[in-house]
Protein backbone atom coordinates (compact mmCIF):
# COMPACT_ATOMS: atom_id res chain seq x y z
CA MET A 1 176.28 135.40 80.70
CA LYS A 2 174.08 132.72 79.18
CA PRO A 3 170.43 132.16 80.34
CA MET A 4 170.01 129.19 82.58
CA ILE A 5 167.94 127.36 79.92
CA GLU A 6 170.77 127.64 77.33
CA GLN A 7 173.22 126.17 79.89
CA ILE A 8 170.92 123.16 80.45
CA TRP A 9 170.52 122.65 76.71
CA GLU A 10 174.29 122.59 76.26
CA GLU A 11 174.56 120.07 79.09
CA PHE A 12 172.03 117.88 77.26
CA GLU A 13 174.05 118.25 74.03
CA ASN A 14 177.29 117.18 75.74
CA ASN A 15 175.74 114.23 77.40
CA GLN A 16 176.47 111.14 75.35
CA THR A 17 174.14 108.89 77.36
CA THR A 18 170.76 109.77 75.81
CA LYS A 19 170.46 108.55 72.22
CA VAL A 20 166.71 108.52 71.44
CA GLY A 21 163.65 110.14 72.98
CA ILE A 22 163.22 113.38 74.98
CA ALA A 23 165.29 114.33 78.08
CA PHE A 24 163.62 116.60 80.62
CA ARG A 25 164.89 118.69 83.53
CA SER A 26 162.62 120.70 85.86
CA TYR A 27 163.00 124.47 85.52
CA SER A 28 161.79 125.25 89.06
CA PRO A 29 160.21 123.01 91.70
CA GLU A 30 158.45 126.10 93.14
CA PHE A 31 156.16 126.65 90.13
CA PRO A 32 152.53 125.42 90.65
CA ILE A 33 152.55 123.82 87.14
CA ASP A 34 155.55 121.62 86.23
CA CYS A 35 157.75 123.34 83.64
CA PHE A 36 160.69 121.68 82.02
CA VAL A 37 163.75 122.40 79.85
CA ALA A 38 163.91 119.52 77.35
CA MET A 39 165.86 118.15 74.39
CA GLN A 40 164.60 115.79 71.71
CA PHE A 41 167.14 113.17 70.55
CA PRO A 42 168.77 112.14 68.26
CA VAL A 43 168.22 115.52 66.38
CA LYS A 44 169.03 117.45 69.58
CA SER A 45 166.06 119.86 69.15
CA ARG A 46 165.85 122.40 71.93
CA CYS A 47 162.53 122.32 73.70
CA ILE A 48 160.47 123.39 76.70
CA ALA A 49 157.61 121.44 78.18
CA PHE A 50 154.63 121.83 80.50
CA ARG A 51 152.89 118.99 82.39
CA ILE A 52 149.09 119.18 82.15
CA SER A 53 146.13 116.99 82.84
CA LEU A 54 144.38 117.68 79.51
CA GLN A 55 144.54 114.79 77.00
CA THR A 56 143.63 116.82 74.01
CA ILE A 57 144.22 120.54 73.18
CA ASP A 58 144.15 122.74 70.07
CA LEU A 59 147.79 122.96 68.90
CA SER A 60 147.06 125.23 65.86
CA PRO A 61 147.95 128.47 67.72
CA PHE A 62 151.41 127.06 68.45
CA ASN A 63 151.98 125.49 65.08
CA ALA A 64 151.06 128.69 63.34
CA LEU A 65 154.60 129.76 64.19
CA GLN A 66 156.67 127.96 61.58
CA ASP A 67 159.89 128.04 63.69
CA ILE A 68 158.24 126.10 66.53
CA ASN A 69 156.98 122.49 66.62
CA ALA A 70 154.29 121.75 69.16
CA GLU A 71 153.10 118.32 70.31
CA LEU A 72 151.20 116.79 73.16
CA ILE A 73 152.69 113.49 74.31
CA GLU A 74 151.78 110.97 77.03
CA ASP A 75 153.55 111.48 80.33
CA HIS A 76 155.01 108.08 81.20
CA VAL A 77 155.94 109.22 84.70
CA ASN A 78 152.59 110.53 85.78
CA GLU A 79 149.57 108.47 84.70
CA GLY A 80 146.76 110.48 83.31
CA LYS A 81 149.01 113.49 82.55
CA SER A 82 150.39 114.87 79.30
CA LEU A 83 153.39 116.92 78.29
CA LEU A 84 152.99 119.91 75.98
CA VAL A 85 156.34 120.06 74.21
CA LEU A 86 157.39 123.22 72.30
CA GLY A 87 160.56 122.69 70.19
CA LEU A 88 162.63 125.01 68.07
CA SER A 89 162.98 123.92 64.43
CA ASP A 90 165.27 126.70 63.21
CA THR A 91 168.66 126.32 65.01
CA SER A 92 169.78 129.82 63.98
CA LEU A 93 167.30 131.23 66.44
CA SER A 94 168.59 129.36 69.46
CA SER A 95 169.87 132.34 71.42
CA ILE A 96 166.58 134.22 70.88
CA PHE A 97 164.54 131.14 71.77
CA ALA A 98 166.47 130.84 75.08
CA VAL A 99 165.71 134.44 76.09
CA LEU A 100 162.06 134.13 75.12
CA CYS A 101 161.71 130.83 77.04
CA GLU A 102 163.28 132.31 80.23
CA ASP A 103 160.74 135.16 79.97
CA LEU A 104 157.92 132.72 79.26
CA PHE A 105 158.73 130.65 82.33
CA GLN A 106 158.79 133.75 84.55
CA SER A 107 155.38 134.87 83.21
CA VAL A 108 153.77 131.57 84.23
CA ALA A 109 155.63 131.19 87.57
CA GLU A 110 152.52 131.85 89.67
CA ILE A 111 149.80 130.43 87.37
CA GLU A 112 147.85 127.49 88.85
CA SER A 113 145.13 127.08 86.24
CA GLU A 114 145.95 125.07 83.13
CA VAL A 115 143.39 127.06 81.06
CA VAL A 116 145.10 130.32 82.10
CA LEU A 117 148.49 128.75 81.36
CA LEU A 118 147.46 127.81 77.84
CA GLN A 119 145.98 131.24 77.21
CA THR A 120 149.19 132.86 78.38
CA LEU A 121 151.33 130.58 76.17
CA GLN A 122 149.13 131.41 73.13
CA ASN A 123 149.29 135.18 73.77
CA ARG A 124 153.09 134.95 74.15
CA PHE A 125 153.31 133.10 70.76
CA LEU A 126 151.77 136.06 69.02
CA LYS A 127 154.69 138.25 70.18
CA TRP A 128 157.16 135.50 69.36
CA LYS A 129 155.92 135.38 65.82
CA GLU A 130 156.70 139.06 65.35
CA LEU A 131 160.14 138.73 67.02
CA PHE A 132 161.14 135.71 64.93
CA LEU A 133 160.28 137.58 61.79
CA LEU A 134 162.47 140.54 62.94
CA ALA A 135 165.25 138.18 63.73
CA LYS A 136 165.37 137.07 60.09
CA THR A 137 165.83 140.56 58.80
CA THR A 138 169.08 142.44 58.43
CA GLY A 139 168.55 144.34 61.65
CA LEU A 140 167.05 147.54 62.99
CA SER A 141 166.45 150.47 60.66
CA PRO A 142 168.77 153.55 61.11
CA GLU A 143 165.92 155.38 62.86
CA LYS A 144 165.28 152.58 65.30
CA GLN A 145 169.03 152.22 65.98
CA ILE A 146 169.41 155.82 67.17
CA GLY A 147 166.15 155.56 69.06
CA LEU A 148 167.41 152.56 70.97
CA PHE A 149 170.76 154.17 71.49
CA GLY A 150 169.05 157.13 73.08
CA GLU A 151 167.05 154.93 75.48
CA LEU A 152 170.17 152.95 76.42
CA TYR A 153 172.13 156.15 76.94
CA LEU A 154 169.58 157.31 79.50
CA LEU A 155 169.36 153.88 81.05
CA LYS A 156 173.14 153.92 81.56
CA THR A 157 173.00 157.48 83.06
CA LEU A 158 170.26 156.40 85.47
CA ILE A 159 172.14 153.30 86.53
CA VAL A 160 175.48 155.16 87.10
CA THR A 161 173.71 157.90 89.02
CA THR A 162 171.34 155.82 91.26
CA GLN A 163 173.58 152.77 91.59
CA ASN A 164 170.36 150.74 91.42
CA PRO A 165 170.31 148.75 88.18
CA GLU A 166 167.34 146.60 89.11
CA PHE A 167 165.14 149.67 89.63
CA CYS A 168 166.40 151.37 86.44
CA LEU A 169 165.69 148.25 84.39
CA ASP A 170 162.28 147.93 85.90
CA ILE A 171 161.22 151.46 84.99
CA TRP A 172 162.44 151.08 81.39
CA VAL A 173 158.98 150.16 80.14
CA GLY A 174 159.24 151.09 76.39
CA PRO A 175 160.30 147.58 75.31
CA ASP A 176 157.32 146.10 77.14
CA GLY A 177 154.77 148.20 75.32
CA GLY A 178 154.76 151.28 77.56
CA ILE A 179 153.44 154.52 76.00
CA ARG A 180 156.53 156.36 77.25
CA ASP A 181 160.02 154.94 77.59
CA PHE A 182 160.53 155.16 81.41
CA GLU A 183 157.80 155.30 83.99
CA ASN A 184 157.44 154.97 87.77
CA ASN A 185 155.23 156.39 90.50
CA ASN A 186 153.04 158.31 88.00
CA ILE A 187 156.21 159.99 86.59
CA ALA A 188 157.32 159.40 83.04
CA ILE A 189 160.35 160.13 80.79
CA GLU A 190 160.01 160.12 77.00
CA VAL A 191 163.30 159.78 75.15
CA LYS A 192 163.83 161.49 71.77
CA THR A 193 167.08 161.14 69.76
CA SER A 194 168.01 163.24 66.77
CA GLN A 195 170.92 163.39 64.42
CA SER A 196 173.18 166.41 63.92
CA HIS A 197 171.89 167.40 60.46
CA ASN A 198 168.48 168.03 62.10
CA HIS A 199 169.43 168.02 65.76
CA GLN A 200 166.69 170.32 67.00
CA LYS A 201 163.79 168.51 65.40
CA ILE A 202 162.15 165.56 67.23
CA ARG A 203 159.33 163.30 66.02
CA ILE A 204 156.39 162.46 68.21
CA SER A 205 154.65 159.17 67.25
CA SER A 206 151.31 159.59 68.90
CA GLU A 207 149.03 162.13 70.61
CA ARG A 208 149.52 160.26 73.95
CA GLN A 209 153.36 160.37 74.03
CA LEU A 210 153.56 163.95 75.39
CA ASP A 211 150.12 163.98 77.03
CA SER A 212 150.67 164.65 80.72
CA SER A 213 147.09 164.85 81.77
CA LEU A 214 147.14 161.46 83.60
CA LEU A 215 150.63 161.97 85.03
CA ASP A 216 152.06 163.92 87.96
CA ASN A 217 155.00 164.89 85.89
CA LEU A 218 156.28 164.16 82.35
CA PHE A 219 159.90 164.74 81.36
CA LEU A 220 161.33 164.76 77.84
CA PHE A 221 164.99 163.75 77.38
CA HIS A 222 166.51 164.89 74.18
CA LEU A 223 169.79 163.44 72.88
CA SER A 224 171.47 165.03 69.88
CA LEU A 225 173.89 162.67 68.07
CA GLU A 226 176.35 162.89 65.24
CA LYS A 227 176.69 159.70 63.28
CA ARG A 228 180.19 158.50 62.34
CA ASN A 229 181.90 155.46 60.81
CA GLY A 230 183.65 153.25 63.31
CA ASP A 231 182.96 151.32 66.47
CA GLU A 232 184.11 153.76 69.14
CA TYR A 233 180.69 154.34 70.67
CA SER A 234 178.33 152.05 68.78
CA LEU A 235 175.06 150.36 69.76
CA ASN A 236 177.05 147.27 70.50
CA SER A 237 179.49 149.07 72.80
CA ILE A 238 176.89 150.81 74.93
CA ILE A 239 175.07 147.46 75.38
CA GLN A 240 178.38 145.89 76.49
CA GLU A 241 178.83 148.82 78.94
CA LEU A 242 175.39 148.10 80.39
CA TYR A 243 176.06 144.40 80.85
CA GLU A 244 179.17 145.39 82.75
CA LEU A 245 177.21 147.78 84.93
CA LEU A 246 174.80 144.95 85.76
CA GLY A 247 177.75 142.96 87.08
CA GLU A 248 177.21 139.26 87.91
CA GLU A 249 173.46 139.52 88.51
CA PHE A 250 172.15 136.67 86.43
CA LEU A 251 168.49 137.67 86.70
CA LEU A 252 169.23 141.30 85.66
CA HIS A 253 171.14 140.01 82.62
CA ASN A 254 168.10 137.95 81.65
CA VAL A 255 165.80 140.99 82.07
CA PHE A 256 168.06 143.14 79.98
CA LYS A 257 168.35 140.54 77.20
CA ARG A 258 164.61 140.11 77.12
CA LYS A 259 164.02 143.82 76.75
CA LEU A 260 166.68 144.08 74.00
CA THR A 261 164.94 141.19 72.22
CA ASN A 262 161.54 142.91 72.49
CA VAL A 263 162.88 145.95 70.67
CA GLY A 264 164.46 143.83 67.93
CA TYR A 265 168.14 143.78 68.99
CA PHE A 266 169.53 140.28 68.42
CA GLU A 267 173.03 139.02 69.18
CA HIS A 268 173.39 137.33 65.81
CA GLN A 269 172.91 140.74 64.09
CA ARG A 270 175.72 142.50 66.00
CA ASP A 271 177.86 142.90 62.87
CA HIS A 272 175.07 145.09 61.37
CA TYR A 273 175.75 147.75 63.98
CA GLN A 274 179.51 147.40 64.49
CA LYS A 275 180.69 150.13 62.13
CA ILE A 276 178.15 152.77 63.06
CA SER A 277 179.34 155.03 65.88
CA TYR A 278 177.72 158.05 67.61
CA LEU A 279 179.17 161.23 69.04
CA VAL A 280 176.95 162.89 71.65
CA ARG A 281 176.58 166.57 70.78
CA ASP A 282 174.03 167.66 73.38
CA GLU A 283 171.64 166.32 75.94
CA ASN A 284 168.79 168.04 77.71
CA PHE A 285 165.80 167.38 79.96
CA TYR A 286 162.54 169.27 79.63
CA LEU A 287 159.52 169.38 81.98
CA VAL A 288 156.57 168.98 79.70
CA LYS A 289 153.73 171.19 81.08
CA ASP A 290 151.61 174.24 80.42
CA LYS A 291 152.32 175.61 76.89
CA PHE A 292 155.15 173.27 75.99
CA PRO A 293 154.55 172.75 72.21
CA ARG A 294 152.68 169.48 71.81
CA ILE A 295 149.42 167.81 70.91
CA GLU A 296 147.46 166.20 73.66
CA GLU A 297 144.58 163.73 73.29
CA HIS A 298 141.96 166.29 74.42
CA ASP A 299 143.04 168.66 71.64
CA LEU A 300 141.86 166.32 68.93
CA LEU A 301 138.46 166.46 67.27
CA LYS A 302 136.26 163.39 67.79
CA GLY A 303 137.29 160.61 65.45
CA VAL A 304 140.88 161.82 64.98
CA GLY A 305 143.71 159.60 66.22
CA ASP A 306 147.07 158.06 65.46
CA VAL A 307 148.59 161.54 65.21
CA LYS A 308 152.24 161.92 64.36
CA TYR A 309 153.98 165.29 64.43
CA SER A 310 157.29 167.08 64.90
CA ILE A 311 158.60 169.59 67.50
CA ILE A 312 161.28 172.13 66.83
CA LEU A 313 163.29 172.73 70.06
CA SER A 314 163.93 176.43 70.12
CA ALA A 315 163.74 179.50 72.41
CA GLU A 316 160.14 178.59 73.06
CA THR A 317 161.14 175.37 74.77
CA GLU A 318 164.23 176.73 76.64
CA LYS A 319 162.18 177.83 79.61
CA TYR A 320 161.06 174.26 80.25
CA LYS A 321 164.53 172.89 80.58
CA THR A 322 165.38 171.09 83.80
CA ASP A 323 168.15 168.78 84.98
CA LEU A 324 168.83 165.16 85.93
CA THR A 325 168.69 165.98 89.67
CA ASN A 326 165.13 167.21 89.40
CA VAL A 327 164.13 164.14 87.24
CA LEU A 328 165.67 161.74 89.82
CA GLN A 329 163.97 163.55 92.69
CA ASN A 330 160.60 162.80 91.04
CA ILE A 331 161.01 159.34 89.55
CA VAL A 332 163.11 157.62 92.24
CA PRO A 333 161.07 156.58 95.24
């Protein structure tokens, strides 16, 4: 299911009437500030635009991203207004640009101040720069692939069990910069995935990841995988399963695409993951509390930070095991 923006761009491309100039279409009449999907002819450059009253602005934060062209043009429809036009210069990034633009429009949906609008756009462009650089690589590293697979595996489990995909997508906060992967109502789940050759060892990336001091409950979900050649249960296939579980809900598809983009999974890199399959060997939930082996922030000496360490799941952690039912009773309102 294509984002609405991408559908509008394709309509522009198929329209033979416009030969020169920029064609605009309002994204939503309900937004306080006018936002447009646009296309520049004759090159058919995909763009978005914002109507503002400012006659001059600093475009350097936008032009610092080499894949985007930014310009401020006179609005011939509304006297005294200008149009900030942001256009994509690298056509190979079109699908990513569409997802990011959908997300950008949603982030400014309630903004009334032009100053706040411009600040929001500039902040988003810092993230876009990082994502466009990732999109030009060969794909996620093997470690990030299995990490993403683990999160998606739990996401699928939660959706199938709760039958509430909107809620499950909402609490999947890892792609949006969350400290833990899933969080709601002061309850969090951290997902750790390991491969069969070292299936009992998990890596913790910071002292805050298993710090439960500010939470009511913190659960650890451990997924043990065996990596195989083939496409029977690949990263691509579990993503396809999730799209099917989301059904025909257009907005949910957009949210899911945005979150995948934020973690560095891009459609044009699908072939990179097609021949890597996973067999699930074991899966367990743990309630992280008391003397569960971990480092918490208050354990560190003053001046120590950015701590990375490993945990060996053994007899010491067995007594902290719990089940999905207990997790859902806590995290689902």
